[in-house]
Amino acid sequence: MQILIAGGGAVGTRLAVYLSQRGDKVTLIDSDKARCEWVSKNSDAIVYQGSAVDLAILVEAEIARTDSLVVALGNDQLARELVRLAKFQFGVPKVIAVAKDSVAKERMEKLGAEEVVVSEDLVLKEVKRMLHRKGHRILYNDGAEDLKIEQVAVRATSDMLGKRVSLLGNKLARVAGVIREGKLLFPGDEMELQMGDEVIVVGEESGVSEVCSQIEA
């Protein structure tokens, strides 16, 4: 898949690294020299330094051939202009944008963006999630490499209590170990989770979060 990312902030850089590692053809446009150099050094993405609404850069970045455009500019006015260009001038099949608030979201949707994520909603959702998580520790987190290790406790209310460890895991994360009564165990397919177990989950952030949510449910 050919993906164009506009904006090399926290969202853009992580996406560029992750998607290029996955094997997608990724192009990133950002005005900041240091960020462009970092993405070039840490991923296989093609990087252009400059304005994401510069027609010459967009043409060179092959926007007309891209399958998906991710707009994460941090500036709603520029983001709207890019969404407009992408949909009406270049005919990009799918545009995903990040907006600062619901008003900006509505404007981008009217311009044709298929998906608009509101950053305020994401922050609130993450804070609520963190406030409600107990018995949970992040052991390691490398945002650039999208590698995370978390330790989560099996509580009396967990849906996974008494169930096999083999039911946990997905394509992006797996259970690497279980700490039981102070001892680290490497679980086999038949191991069942007990109350008080500390499960160590390793993988990409989205996959790790999914497994931890299974344990905490």
N, C-alpha and C. Protein backbone atom coordinates (compact mmCIF):
# COMPACT_ATOMS: atom_id res chain seq x y z
N MET A 1 0.83 -1.20 0.00
CA MET A 1 0.00 0.00 0.00
C MET A 1 0.87 1.25 0.00
N GLN A 2 0.48 2.25 -0.76
CA GLN A 2 1.21 3.50 -0.83
C GLN A 2 0.52 4.53 0.07
N ILE A 3 1.26 5.04 1.06
CA ILE A 3 0.67 5.92 2.07
C ILE A 3 1.48 7.21 2.16
N LEU A 4 0.78 8.33 2.14
CA LEU A 4 1.41 9.64 2.29
C LEU A 4 1.01 10.20 3.65
N ILE A 5 2.00 10.63 4.43
CA ILE A 5 1.76 11.20 5.76
C ILE A 5 2.16 12.67 5.73
N ALA A 6 1.25 13.54 6.10
CA ALA A 6 1.53 14.97 6.16
C ALA A 6 1.66 15.38 7.62
N GLY A 7 2.88 15.69 8.04
CA GLY A 7 3.11 16.07 9.43
C GLY A 7 4.01 15.06 10.12
N GLY A 8 5.13 15.56 10.64
CA GLY A 8 6.09 14.66 11.28
C GLY A 8 6.15 14.81 12.78
N GLY A 9 5.01 15.13 13.40
CA GLY A 9 4.95 15.21 14.86
C GLY A 9 4.88 13.81 15.46
N ALA A 10 4.34 13.72 16.67
CA ALA A 10 4.29 12.44 17.37
C ALA A 10 3.52 11.38 16.59
N VAL A 11 2.40 11.79 15.99
CA VAL A 11 1.59 10.84 15.23
C VAL A 11 2.28 10.45 13.92
N GLY A 12 2.72 11.44 13.17
CA GLY A 12 3.31 11.18 11.87
C GLY A 12 4.57 10.35 11.91
N THR A 13 5.48 10.68 12.84
CA THR A 13 6.74 9.94 12.89
C THR A 13 6.52 8.48 13.28
N ARG A 14 5.66 8.25 14.27
CA ARG A 14 5.40 6.87 14.69
C ARG A 14 4.75 6.06 13.59
N LEU A 15 3.82 6.69 12.89
CA LEU A 15 3.17 5.99 11.77
C LEU A 15 4.16 5.66 10.66
N ALA A 16 5.03 6.62 10.36
CA ALA A 16 6.01 6.40 9.29
C ALA A 16 6.91 5.22 9.60
N VAL A 17 7.39 5.15 10.84
CA VAL A 17 8.26 4.04 11.25
C VAL A 17 7.50 2.72 11.21
N TYR A 18 6.31 2.71 11.81
CA TYR A 18 5.52 1.48 11.89
C TYR A 18 5.12 0.96 10.51
N LEU A 19 4.59 1.84 9.66
CA LEU A 19 4.09 1.41 8.36
C LEU A 19 5.22 0.97 7.42
N SER A 20 6.36 1.66 7.49
CA SER A 20 7.49 1.26 6.64
C SER A 20 8.05 -0.09 7.09
N GLN A 21 8.05 -0.34 8.41
CA GLN A 21 8.49 -1.64 8.90
C GLN A 21 7.52 -2.74 8.49
N ARG A 22 6.26 -2.39 8.34
CA ARG A 22 5.24 -3.36 7.94
C ARG A 22 5.35 -3.71 6.47
N GLY A 23 6.08 -2.86 5.72
CA GLY A 23 6.27 -3.15 4.31
C GLY A 23 5.53 -2.23 3.36
N ASP A 24 4.82 -1.24 3.90
CA ASP A 24 4.11 -0.29 3.04
C ASP A 24 5.10 0.71 2.44
N LYS A 25 4.73 1.27 1.30
CA LYS A 25 5.52 2.35 0.71
C LYS A 25 5.05 3.66 1.35
N VAL A 26 5.91 4.25 2.16
CA VAL A 26 5.52 5.41 2.96
C VAL A 26 6.30 6.66 2.53
N THR A 27 5.56 7.76 2.40
CA THR A 27 6.17 9.06 2.13
C THR A 27 5.70 10.03 3.20
N LEU A 28 6.61 10.84 3.72
CA LEU A 28 6.27 11.80 4.76
C LEU A 28 6.69 13.20 4.34
N ILE A 29 5.84 14.18 4.61
CA ILE A 29 6.15 15.59 4.35
C ILE A 29 6.08 16.35 5.66
N ASP A 30 7.14 17.09 5.98
CA ASP A 30 7.14 17.91 7.18
C ASP A 30 8.07 19.11 6.97
N SER A 31 7.75 20.22 7.62
CA SER A 31 8.54 21.44 7.43
C SER A 31 9.78 21.50 8.32
N ASP A 32 9.81 20.65 9.34
CA ASP A 32 10.92 20.70 10.31
C ASP A 32 12.09 19.82 9.85
N LYS A 33 13.26 20.42 9.72
CA LYS A 33 14.44 19.71 9.23
C LYS A 33 14.86 18.57 10.14
N ALA A 34 14.87 18.82 11.45
CA ALA A 34 15.32 17.81 12.41
C ALA A 34 14.40 16.59 12.39
N ARG A 35 13.10 16.83 12.32
CA ARG A 35 12.17 15.70 12.28
C ARG A 35 12.33 14.91 10.99
N CYS A 36 12.52 15.60 9.89
CA CYS A 36 12.71 14.92 8.60
C CYS A 36 13.96 14.03 8.64
N GLU A 37 15.02 14.56 9.21
CA GLU A 37 16.27 13.79 9.32
C GLU A 37 16.08 12.56 10.21
N TRP A 38 15.31 12.72 11.30
CA TRP A 38 15.09 11.59 12.21
C TRP A 38 14.31 10.48 11.51
N VAL A 39 13.26 10.85 10.80
CA VAL A 39 12.44 9.85 10.11
C VAL A 39 13.26 9.16 9.02
N SER A 40 14.07 9.92 8.28
CA SER A 40 14.93 9.34 7.24
C SER A 40 15.91 8.32 7.83
N LYS A 41 16.42 8.65 9.00
CA LYS A 41 17.41 7.79 9.65
C LYS A 41 16.79 6.54 10.27
N ASN A 42 15.57 6.66 10.75
CA ASN A 42 14.96 5.57 11.52
C ASN A 42 13.88 4.79 10.79
N SER A 43 13.69 5.06 9.51
CA SER A 43 12.69 4.31 8.75
C SER A 43 13.08 4.27 7.28
N ASP A 44 12.30 3.52 6.51
CA ASP A 44 12.52 3.44 5.07
C ASP A 44 11.63 4.42 4.31
N ALA A 45 10.98 5.31 5.03
CA ALA A 45 10.07 6.27 4.40
C ALA A 45 10.83 7.26 3.52
N ILE A 46 10.19 7.67 2.44
CA ILE A 46 10.71 8.75 1.62
C ILE A 46 10.26 10.06 2.27
N VAL A 47 11.20 10.97 2.50
CA VAL A 47 10.89 12.18 3.27
C VAL A 47 11.12 13.44 2.43
N TYR A 48 10.15 14.34 2.50
CA TYR A 48 10.27 15.65 1.86
C TYR A 48 10.15 16.74 2.92
N GLN A 49 11.11 17.66 2.91
CA GLN A 49 11.03 18.78 3.84
C GLN A 49 10.38 19.96 3.12
N GLY A 50 9.30 20.48 3.72
CA GLY A 50 8.61 21.60 3.11
C GLY A 50 7.16 21.64 3.55
N SER A 51 6.38 22.48 2.91
CA SER A 51 4.97 22.63 3.26
C SER A 51 4.14 21.50 2.65
N ALA A 52 3.24 20.96 3.45
CA ALA A 52 2.39 19.86 2.98
C ALA A 52 1.31 20.32 2.02
N VAL A 53 1.17 21.64 1.85
CA VAL A 53 0.19 22.14 0.86
C VAL A 53 0.89 22.75 -0.34
N ASP A 54 2.19 22.52 -0.46
CA ASP A 54 2.96 22.98 -1.63
C ASP A 54 2.68 22.00 -2.78
N LEU A 55 2.05 22.49 -3.83
CA LEU A 55 1.64 21.63 -4.94
C LEU A 55 2.81 20.90 -5.57
N ALA A 56 3.96 21.57 -5.70
CA ALA A 56 5.13 20.94 -6.30
C ALA A 56 5.59 19.75 -5.47
N ILE A 57 5.61 19.91 -4.14
CA ILE A 57 6.02 18.81 -3.26
C ILE A 57 5.01 17.68 -3.31
N LEU A 58 3.73 18.02 -3.30
CA LEU A 58 2.69 16.99 -3.35
C LEU A 58 2.77 16.17 -4.62
N VAL A 59 3.02 16.82 -5.73
CA VAL A 59 3.14 16.10 -7.00
C VAL A 59 4.36 15.19 -6.98
N GLU A 60 5.48 15.72 -6.48
CA GLU A 60 6.70 14.91 -6.42
C GLU A 60 6.54 13.73 -5.46
N ALA A 61 5.74 13.95 -4.42
CA ALA A 61 5.49 12.88 -3.45
C ALA A 61 4.44 11.88 -3.94
N GLU A 62 3.98 12.05 -5.17
CA GLU A 62 3.04 11.15 -5.83
C GLU A 62 1.71 11.05 -5.09
N ILE A 63 1.17 12.19 -4.68
CA ILE A 63 -0.12 12.17 -3.98
C ILE A 63 -1.22 11.60 -4.87
N ALA A 64 -1.12 11.81 -6.16
CA ALA A 64 -2.16 11.31 -7.08
C ALA A 64 -2.18 9.79 -7.16
N ARG A 65 -1.10 9.15 -6.74
CA ARG A 65 -1.01 7.69 -6.79
C ARG A 65 -1.15 7.03 -5.42
N THR A 66 -1.28 7.85 -4.39
CA THR A 66 -1.33 7.29 -3.04
C THR A 66 -2.68 6.64 -2.76
N ASP A 67 -2.64 5.59 -1.97
CA ASP A 67 -3.88 4.89 -1.58
C ASP A 67 -4.56 5.58 -0.41
N SER A 68 -3.73 6.07 0.52
CA SER A 68 -4.27 6.72 1.71
C SER A 68 -3.40 7.91 2.09
N LEU A 69 -4.05 8.97 2.54
CA LEU A 69 -3.35 10.16 3.04
C LEU A 69 -3.70 10.34 4.51
N VAL A 70 -2.66 10.48 5.34
CA VAL A 70 -2.86 10.76 6.76
C VAL A 70 -2.45 12.21 7.01
N VAL A 71 -3.39 13.02 7.48
CA VAL A 71 -3.13 14.44 7.73
C VAL A 71 -3.00 14.66 9.23
N ALA A 72 -1.78 14.92 9.67
CA ALA A 72 -1.51 15.13 11.10
C ALA A 72 -0.60 16.34 11.27
N LEU A 73 -1.10 17.49 10.84
CA LEU A 73 -0.28 18.70 10.74
C LEU A 73 -0.23 19.53 12.02
N GLY A 74 -1.22 19.38 12.89
CA GLY A 74 -1.25 20.20 14.09
C GLY A 74 -1.74 21.61 13.82
N ASN A 75 -2.18 21.87 12.60
CA ASN A 75 -2.72 23.18 12.19
C ASN A 75 -3.97 22.90 11.37
N ASP A 76 -5.12 23.19 11.96
CA ASP A 76 -6.38 22.82 11.32
C ASP A 76 -6.63 23.54 10.00
N GLN A 77 -6.15 24.77 9.88
CA GLN A 77 -6.34 25.51 8.64
C GLN A 77 -5.57 24.85 7.49
N LEU A 78 -4.30 24.51 7.75
CA LEU A 78 -3.51 23.82 6.74
C LEU A 78 -4.08 22.43 6.46
N ALA A 79 -4.55 21.78 7.52
CA ALA A 79 -5.12 20.44 7.36
C ALA A 79 -6.33 20.46 6.45
N ARG A 80 -7.20 21.45 6.63
CA ARG A 80 -8.40 21.56 5.78
C ARG A 80 -8.01 21.81 4.33
N GLU A 81 -7.01 22.66 4.12
CA GLU A 81 -6.57 22.95 2.76
C GLU A 81 -6.02 21.69 2.09
N LEU A 82 -5.27 20.89 2.86
CA LEU A 82 -4.71 19.66 2.30
C LEU A 82 -5.81 18.64 2.01
N VAL A 83 -6.77 18.53 2.89
CA VAL A 83 -7.90 17.62 2.65
C VAL A 83 -8.63 18.02 1.36
N ARG A 84 -8.85 19.32 1.19
CA ARG A 84 -9.52 19.82 -0.01
C ARG A 84 -8.74 19.47 -1.27
N LEU A 85 -7.42 19.71 -1.24
CA LEU A 85 -6.58 19.39 -2.39
C LEU A 85 -6.60 17.89 -2.68
N ALA A 86 -6.49 17.12 -1.63
CA ALA A 86 -6.42 15.66 -1.80
C ALA A 86 -7.69 15.10 -2.44
N LYS A 87 -8.84 15.59 -2.01
CA LYS A 87 -10.10 15.03 -2.50
C LYS A 87 -10.53 15.62 -3.84
N PHE A 88 -10.39 16.94 -4.00
CA PHE A 88 -10.95 17.58 -5.19
C PHE A 88 -9.95 17.74 -6.34
N GLN A 89 -8.66 17.83 -6.02
CA GLN A 89 -7.68 18.03 -7.09
C GLN A 89 -6.95 16.74 -7.46
N PHE A 90 -6.65 15.90 -6.44
CA PHE A 90 -5.86 14.71 -6.71
C PHE A 90 -6.64 13.41 -6.60
N GLY A 91 -7.84 13.46 -6.08
CA GLY A 91 -8.68 12.27 -6.01
C GLY A 91 -8.14 11.15 -5.15
N VAL A 92 -7.56 11.48 -3.99
CA VAL A 92 -7.03 10.46 -3.08
C VAL A 92 -8.19 9.61 -2.56
N PRO A 93 -8.12 8.28 -2.67
CA PRO A 93 -9.25 7.42 -2.28
C PRO A 93 -9.64 7.51 -0.80
N LYS A 94 -8.64 7.62 0.07
CA LYS A 94 -8.94 7.62 1.51
C LYS A 94 -8.10 8.67 2.22
N VAL A 95 -8.76 9.57 2.95
CA VAL A 95 -8.08 10.60 3.72
C VAL A 95 -8.45 10.45 5.19
N ILE A 96 -7.43 10.31 6.02
CA ILE A 96 -7.60 10.22 7.47
C ILE A 96 -6.93 11.44 8.08
N ALA A 97 -7.65 12.19 8.90
CA ALA A 97 -7.11 13.44 9.44
C ALA A 97 -7.24 13.49 10.95
N VAL A 98 -6.33 14.25 11.57
CA VAL A 98 -6.38 14.51 13.01
C VAL A 98 -6.77 15.97 13.19
N ALA A 99 -7.85 16.20 13.95
CA ALA A 99 -8.34 17.56 14.20
C ALA A 99 -8.21 17.90 15.68
N LYS A 100 -8.15 19.19 15.97
CA LYS A 100 -8.00 19.62 17.37
C LYS A 100 -9.32 19.59 18.13
N ASP A 101 -10.43 19.80 17.43
CA ASP A 101 -11.73 19.83 18.12
C ASP A 101 -12.84 19.39 17.17
N SER A 102 -14.05 19.30 17.71
CA SER A 102 -15.19 18.80 16.95
C SER A 102 -15.58 19.73 15.80
N VAL A 103 -15.34 21.03 15.96
CA VAL A 103 -15.67 21.98 14.89
C VAL A 103 -14.78 21.72 13.68
N ALA A 104 -13.47 21.57 13.94
CA ALA A 104 -12.54 21.27 12.85
C ALA A 104 -12.86 19.92 12.22
N LYS A 105 -13.27 18.97 13.04
CA LYS A 105 -13.63 17.65 12.52
C LYS A 105 -14.78 17.76 11.52
N GLU A 106 -15.82 18.52 11.89
CA GLU A 106 -16.98 18.66 11.02
C GLU A 106 -16.60 19.32 9.69
N ARG A 107 -15.71 20.31 9.75
CA ARG A 107 -15.28 20.99 8.53
C ARG A 107 -14.51 20.05 7.60
N MET A 108 -13.64 19.23 8.18
CA MET A 108 -12.85 18.30 7.36
C MET A 108 -13.73 17.21 6.75
N GLU A 109 -14.72 16.78 7.51
CA GLU A 109 -15.65 15.77 6.98
C GLU A 109 -16.45 16.34 5.81
N LYS A 110 -16.81 17.61 5.90
CA LYS A 110 -17.55 18.24 4.79
C LYS A 110 -16.69 18.34 3.54
N LEU A 111 -15.35 18.42 3.74
CA LEU A 111 -14.44 18.49 2.60
C LEU A 111 -14.15 17.11 2.00
N GLY A 112 -14.67 16.07 2.67
CA GLY A 112 -14.54 14.73 2.09
C GLY A 112 -13.65 13.75 2.82
N ALA A 113 -13.08 14.14 3.97
CA ALA A 113 -12.23 13.21 4.72
C ALA A 113 -13.06 12.02 5.19
N GLU A 114 -12.57 10.82 4.93
CA GLU A 114 -13.31 9.61 5.31
C GLU A 114 -13.31 9.37 6.81
N GLU A 115 -12.23 9.76 7.47
CA GLU A 115 -12.11 9.54 8.92
C GLU A 115 -11.39 10.72 9.53
N VAL A 116 -11.98 11.31 10.58
CA VAL A 116 -11.35 12.42 11.30
C VAL A 116 -11.32 12.08 12.78
N VAL A 117 -10.13 12.08 13.34
CA VAL A 117 -9.93 11.78 14.76
C VAL A 117 -9.71 13.08 15.50
N VAL A 118 -10.44 13.29 16.59
CA VAL A 118 -10.30 14.50 17.38
C VAL A 118 -9.29 14.27 18.49
N SER A 119 -8.21 15.05 18.50
CA SER A 119 -7.13 14.84 19.45
C SER A 119 -7.59 15.02 20.89
N GLU A 120 -8.52 15.96 21.14
CA GLU A 120 -9.02 16.16 22.50
C GLU A 120 -9.72 14.91 23.01
N ASP A 121 -10.50 14.27 22.14
CA ASP A 121 -11.20 13.05 22.53
C ASP A 121 -10.22 11.94 22.87
N LEU A 122 -9.13 11.86 22.09
CA LEU A 122 -8.13 10.82 22.35
C LEU A 122 -7.46 11.02 23.69
N VAL A 123 -7.13 12.28 24.01
CA VAL A 123 -6.49 12.57 25.28
C VAL A 123 -7.41 12.20 26.44
N LEU A 124 -8.67 12.62 26.35
CA LEU A 124 -9.63 12.32 27.42
C LEU A 124 -9.82 10.82 27.58
N LYS A 125 -9.90 10.12 26.46
CA LYS A 125 -10.07 8.67 26.50
C LYS A 125 -8.89 7.99 27.17
N GLU A 126 -7.67 8.45 26.84
CA GLU A 126 -6.47 7.86 27.42
C GLU A 126 -6.38 8.13 28.91
N VAL A 127 -6.74 9.35 29.34
CA VAL A 127 -6.70 9.67 30.77
C VAL A 127 -7.70 8.81 31.53
N LYS A 128 -8.90 8.67 30.99
CA LYS A 128 -9.91 7.83 31.64
C LYS A 128 -9.45 6.39 31.73
N ARG A 129 -8.82 5.91 30.66
CA ARG A 129 -8.32 4.53 30.65
C ARG A 129 -7.26 4.32 31.72
N MET A 130 -6.36 5.29 31.84
CA MET A 130 -5.28 5.17 32.81
C MET A 130 -5.80 5.25 34.25
N LEU A 131 -6.82 6.10 34.48
CA LEU A 131 -7.37 6.23 35.83
C LEU A 131 -8.07 4.96 36.30
N HIS A 132 -8.58 4.21 35.35
CA HIS A 132 -9.31 2.99 35.70
C HIS A 132 -8.46 1.73 35.67
N ARG A 133 -7.21 1.85 35.33
CA ARG A 133 -6.36 0.67 35.26
C ARG A 133 -5.63 0.48 36.58
N LYS A 134 -5.75 -0.70 37.15
CA LYS A 134 -5.08 -1.02 38.40
C LYS A 134 -4.22 -2.27 38.19
N GLY A 135 -3.19 -2.40 39.03
CA GLY A 135 -2.34 -3.56 38.90
C GLY A 135 -1.67 -3.64 37.55
N HIS A 136 -1.27 -2.48 37.05
CA HIS A 136 -0.78 -2.41 35.67
C HIS A 136 0.49 -1.57 35.63
N ARG A 137 1.55 -2.11 35.00
CA ARG A 137 2.81 -1.36 34.92
C ARG A 137 3.39 -1.45 33.53
N ILE A 138 3.95 -0.34 33.06
CA ILE A 138 4.68 -0.34 31.80
C ILE A 138 6.15 -0.61 32.12
N LEU A 139 6.68 -1.72 31.65
CA LEU A 139 8.06 -2.08 31.93
C LEU A 139 9.03 -1.49 30.92
N TYR A 140 8.55 -1.32 29.69
CA TYR A 140 9.42 -0.79 28.63
C TYR A 140 8.53 -0.22 27.54
N ASN A 141 8.96 0.92 27.00
CA ASN A 141 8.18 1.54 25.92
C ASN A 141 9.11 2.29 24.97
N ASP A 142 9.20 1.81 23.74
CA ASP A 142 10.01 2.46 22.71
C ASP A 142 9.06 2.90 21.61
N GLY A 143 8.68 4.20 21.66
CA GLY A 143 7.71 4.70 20.69
C GLY A 143 8.21 4.66 19.26
N ALA A 144 9.51 4.92 19.07
CA ALA A 144 10.07 4.94 17.71
C ALA A 144 10.01 3.56 17.07
N GLU A 145 10.27 2.52 17.85
CA GLU A 145 10.26 1.15 17.33
C GLU A 145 8.91 0.47 17.52
N ASP A 146 7.98 1.17 18.19
CA ASP A 146 6.66 0.63 18.50
C ASP A 146 6.78 -0.72 19.21
N LEU A 147 7.59 -0.73 20.26
CA LEU A 147 7.77 -1.92 21.08
C LEU A 147 7.40 -1.59 22.52
N LYS A 148 6.53 -2.40 23.10
CA LYS A 148 6.08 -2.14 24.45
C LYS A 148 6.02 -3.43 25.25
N ILE A 149 6.39 -3.34 26.54
CA ILE A 149 6.29 -4.47 27.46
C ILE A 149 5.49 -4.00 28.66
N GLU A 150 4.38 -4.66 28.94
CA GLU A 150 3.54 -4.29 30.07
C GLU A 150 3.31 -5.49 30.98
N GLN A 151 3.12 -5.18 32.25
CA GLN A 151 2.84 -6.21 33.26
C GLN A 151 1.48 -5.91 33.86
N VAL A 152 0.59 -6.87 33.79
CA VAL A 152 -0.78 -6.64 34.26
C VAL A 152 -1.21 -7.79 35.17
N ALA A 153 -1.92 -7.43 36.25
CA ALA A 153 -2.33 -8.42 37.25
C ALA A 153 -3.66 -9.06 36.89
N VAL A 154 -3.78 -10.34 37.21
CA VAL A 154 -5.04 -11.07 37.07
C VAL A 154 -5.79 -10.93 38.38
N ARG A 155 -6.93 -10.28 38.35
CA ARG A 155 -7.71 -10.03 39.56
C ARG A 155 -8.92 -10.96 39.65
N ALA A 156 -9.59 -10.92 40.79
CA ALA A 156 -10.72 -11.82 41.02
C ALA A 156 -11.86 -11.56 40.04
N THR A 157 -11.91 -10.34 39.52
CA THR A 157 -12.99 -9.98 38.61
C THR A 157 -12.65 -10.20 37.13
N SER A 158 -11.44 -10.66 36.86
CA SER A 158 -11.00 -10.82 35.47
C SER A 158 -11.73 -11.95 34.76
N ASP A 159 -12.16 -11.68 33.53
CA ASP A 159 -12.81 -12.71 32.72
C ASP A 159 -11.85 -13.85 32.37
N MET A 160 -10.52 -13.58 32.44
CA MET A 160 -9.53 -14.58 32.07
C MET A 160 -9.15 -15.49 33.24
N LEU A 161 -9.66 -15.22 34.43
CA LEU A 161 -9.34 -16.04 35.59
C LEU A 161 -9.76 -17.49 35.36
N GLY A 162 -8.80 -18.41 35.52
CA GLY A 162 -9.07 -19.83 35.33
C GLY A 162 -9.04 -20.29 33.88
N LYS A 163 -8.74 -19.36 32.98
CA LYS A 163 -8.68 -19.72 31.56
C LYS A 163 -7.24 -19.86 31.08
N ARG A 164 -7.07 -20.52 29.97
CA ARG A 164 -5.74 -20.80 29.46
C ARG A 164 -5.05 -19.56 28.90
N VAL A 165 -3.74 -19.49 29.13
CA VAL A 165 -2.95 -18.39 28.61
C VAL A 165 -2.98 -18.37 27.08
N SER A 166 -3.13 -19.53 26.48
CA SER A 166 -3.13 -19.63 25.01
C SER A 166 -4.28 -18.87 24.37
N LEU A 167 -5.29 -18.48 25.17
CA LEU A 167 -6.41 -17.70 24.63
C LEU A 167 -6.04 -16.23 24.45
N LEU A 168 -4.92 -15.84 25.07
CA LEU A 168 -4.46 -14.46 24.96
C LEU A 168 -3.50 -14.31 23.79
N GLY A 169 -3.39 -13.09 23.30
CA GLY A 169 -2.43 -12.82 22.22
C GLY A 169 -3.12 -12.51 20.91
N ASN A 170 -2.37 -11.87 20.04
CA ASN A 170 -2.87 -11.52 18.71
C ASN A 170 -1.67 -11.41 17.77
N LYS A 171 -1.89 -10.91 16.57
CA LYS A 171 -0.80 -10.83 15.59
C LYS A 171 0.29 -9.84 15.99
N LEU A 172 -0.04 -8.91 16.89
CA LEU A 172 0.90 -7.84 17.24
C LEU A 172 1.51 -7.99 18.63
N ALA A 173 0.99 -8.91 19.44
CA ALA A 173 1.51 -9.04 20.81
C ALA A 173 1.30 -10.46 21.33
N ARG A 174 2.10 -10.82 22.33
CA ARG A 174 2.00 -12.16 22.91
C ARG A 174 2.35 -12.11 24.40
N VAL A 175 1.98 -13.16 25.11
CA VAL A 175 2.35 -13.30 26.52
C VAL A 175 3.74 -13.93 26.59
N ALA A 176 4.68 -13.19 27.17
CA ALA A 176 6.07 -13.66 27.24
C ALA A 176 6.35 -14.41 28.53
N GLY A 177 5.57 -14.16 29.57
CA GLY A 177 5.82 -14.82 30.84
C GLY A 177 4.72 -14.54 31.84
N VAL A 178 4.71 -15.31 32.91
CA VAL A 178 3.75 -15.12 34.00
C VAL A 178 4.52 -15.20 35.32
N ILE A 179 4.38 -14.16 36.14
CA ILE A 179 5.00 -14.18 37.47
C ILE A 179 3.97 -14.70 38.45
N ARG A 180 4.29 -15.84 39.08
CA ARG A 180 3.37 -16.48 40.03
C ARG A 180 4.12 -16.79 41.32
N GLU A 181 3.65 -16.22 42.41
CA GLU A 181 4.28 -16.40 43.72
C GLU A 181 5.76 -16.05 43.68
N GLY A 182 6.07 -14.98 42.96
CA GLY A 182 7.44 -14.49 42.92
C GLY A 182 8.34 -15.18 41.93
N LYS A 183 7.83 -16.17 41.21
CA LYS A 183 8.65 -16.90 40.23
C LYS A 183 8.19 -16.60 38.81
N LEU A 184 9.16 -16.42 37.91
CA LEU A 184 8.85 -16.18 36.50
C LEU A 184 8.66 -17.50 35.79
N LEU A 185 7.50 -17.70 35.21
CA LEU A 185 7.18 -18.92 34.48
C LEU A 185 6.99 -18.60 33.00
N PHE A 186 7.42 -19.53 32.16
CA PHE A 186 7.19 -19.39 30.73
C PHE A 186 6.02 -20.30 30.36
N PRO A 187 4.87 -19.70 30.11
CA PRO A 187 3.63 -20.47 30.01
C PRO A 187 3.54 -21.36 28.77
N GLY A 188 3.03 -22.57 29.00
CA GLY A 188 2.71 -23.46 27.90
C GLY A 188 1.25 -23.30 27.54
N ASP A 189 0.80 -24.03 26.54
CA ASP A 189 -0.58 -23.89 26.06
C ASP A 189 -1.61 -24.29 27.12
N GLU A 190 -1.22 -25.16 28.06
CA GLU A 190 -2.17 -25.67 29.04
C GLU A 190 -2.24 -24.83 30.32
N MET A 191 -1.32 -23.89 30.49
CA MET A 191 -1.30 -23.11 31.73
C MET A 191 -2.57 -22.27 31.87
N GLU A 192 -3.17 -22.31 33.07
CA GLU A 192 -4.36 -21.52 33.34
C GLU A 192 -4.00 -20.37 34.28
N LEU A 193 -4.62 -19.24 34.08
CA LEU A 193 -4.32 -18.07 34.89
C LEU A 193 -4.99 -18.15 36.25
N GLN A 194 -4.23 -17.75 37.28
CA GLN A 194 -4.73 -17.74 38.65
C GLN A 194 -4.79 -16.31 39.18
N MET A 195 -5.62 -16.10 40.17
CA MET A 195 -5.71 -14.78 40.78
C MET A 195 -4.36 -14.40 41.39
N GLY A 196 -3.90 -13.19 41.10
CA GLY A 196 -2.61 -12.74 41.60
C GLY A 196 -1.48 -12.92 40.62
N ASP A 197 -1.71 -13.67 39.54
CA ASP A 197 -0.68 -13.80 38.49
C ASP A 197 -0.38 -12.42 37.90
N GLU A 198 0.90 -12.21 37.56
CA GLU A 198 1.31 -11.00 36.86
C GLU A 198 1.72 -11.42 35.45
N VAL A 199 0.96 -11.00 34.47
CA VAL A 199 1.19 -11.42 33.09
C VAL A 199 2.05 -10.39 32.37
N ILE A 200 3.11 -10.84 31.72
CA ILE A 200 4.00 -9.95 30.98
C ILE A 200 3.66 -10.06 29.49
N VAL A 201 3.28 -8.93 28.91
CA VAL A 201 2.85 -8.89 27.52
C VAL A 201 3.84 -8.07 26.70
N VAL A 202 4.26 -8.62 25.56
CA VAL A 202 5.27 -7.98 24.71
C VAL A 202 4.73 -7.82 23.29
N GLY A 203 5.02 -6.67 22.66
CA GLY A 203 4.64 -6.51 21.27
C GLY A 203 4.45 -5.06 20.89
N GLU A 204 3.73 -4.82 19.80
CA GLU A 204 3.43 -3.47 19.37
C GLU A 204 2.34 -2.89 20.27
N GLU A 205 2.35 -1.57 20.43
CA GLU A 205 1.50 -0.94 21.44
C GLU A 205 0.03 -1.31 21.32
N SER A 206 -0.52 -1.26 20.12
CA SER A 206 -1.95 -1.54 19.96
C SER A 206 -2.27 -2.98 20.33
N GLY A 207 -1.38 -3.91 19.96
CA GLY A 207 -1.59 -5.31 20.30
C GLY A 207 -1.46 -5.57 21.79
N VAL A 208 -0.49 -4.92 22.43
CA VAL A 208 -0.29 -5.07 23.87
C VAL A 208 -1.52 -4.55 24.63
N SER A 209 -2.02 -3.40 24.22
CA SER A 209 -3.20 -2.82 24.87
C SER A 209 -4.40 -3.75 24.77
N GLU A 210 -4.54 -4.39 23.62
CA GLU A 210 -5.66 -5.31 23.42
C GLU A 210 -5.58 -6.50 24.36
N VAL A 211 -4.38 -7.08 24.50
CA VAL A 211 -4.20 -8.24 25.39
C VAL A 211 -4.44 -7.83 26.84
N CYS A 212 -3.88 -6.68 27.25
CA CYS A 212 -4.06 -6.21 28.62
C CYS A 212 -5.53 -5.96 28.93
N SER A 213 -6.26 -5.45 27.96
CA SER A 213 -7.70 -5.21 28.15
C SER A 213 -8.45 -6.52 28.35
N GLN A 214 -8.01 -7.58 27.65
CA GLN A 214 -8.61 -8.89 27.84
C GLN A 214 -8.44 -9.36 29.27
N ILE A 215 -7.25 -9.17 29.82
CA ILE A 215 -6.94 -9.63 31.17
C ILE A 215 -7.70 -8.81 32.21
N GLU A 216 -7.84 -7.51 31.96
CA GLU A 216 -8.45 -6.62 32.95
C GLU A 216 -9.97 -6.59 32.86
N ALA A 217 -10.54 -7.18 31.80
CA ALA A 217 -11.99 -7.11 31.61
C ALA A 217 -12.74 -7.83 32.72
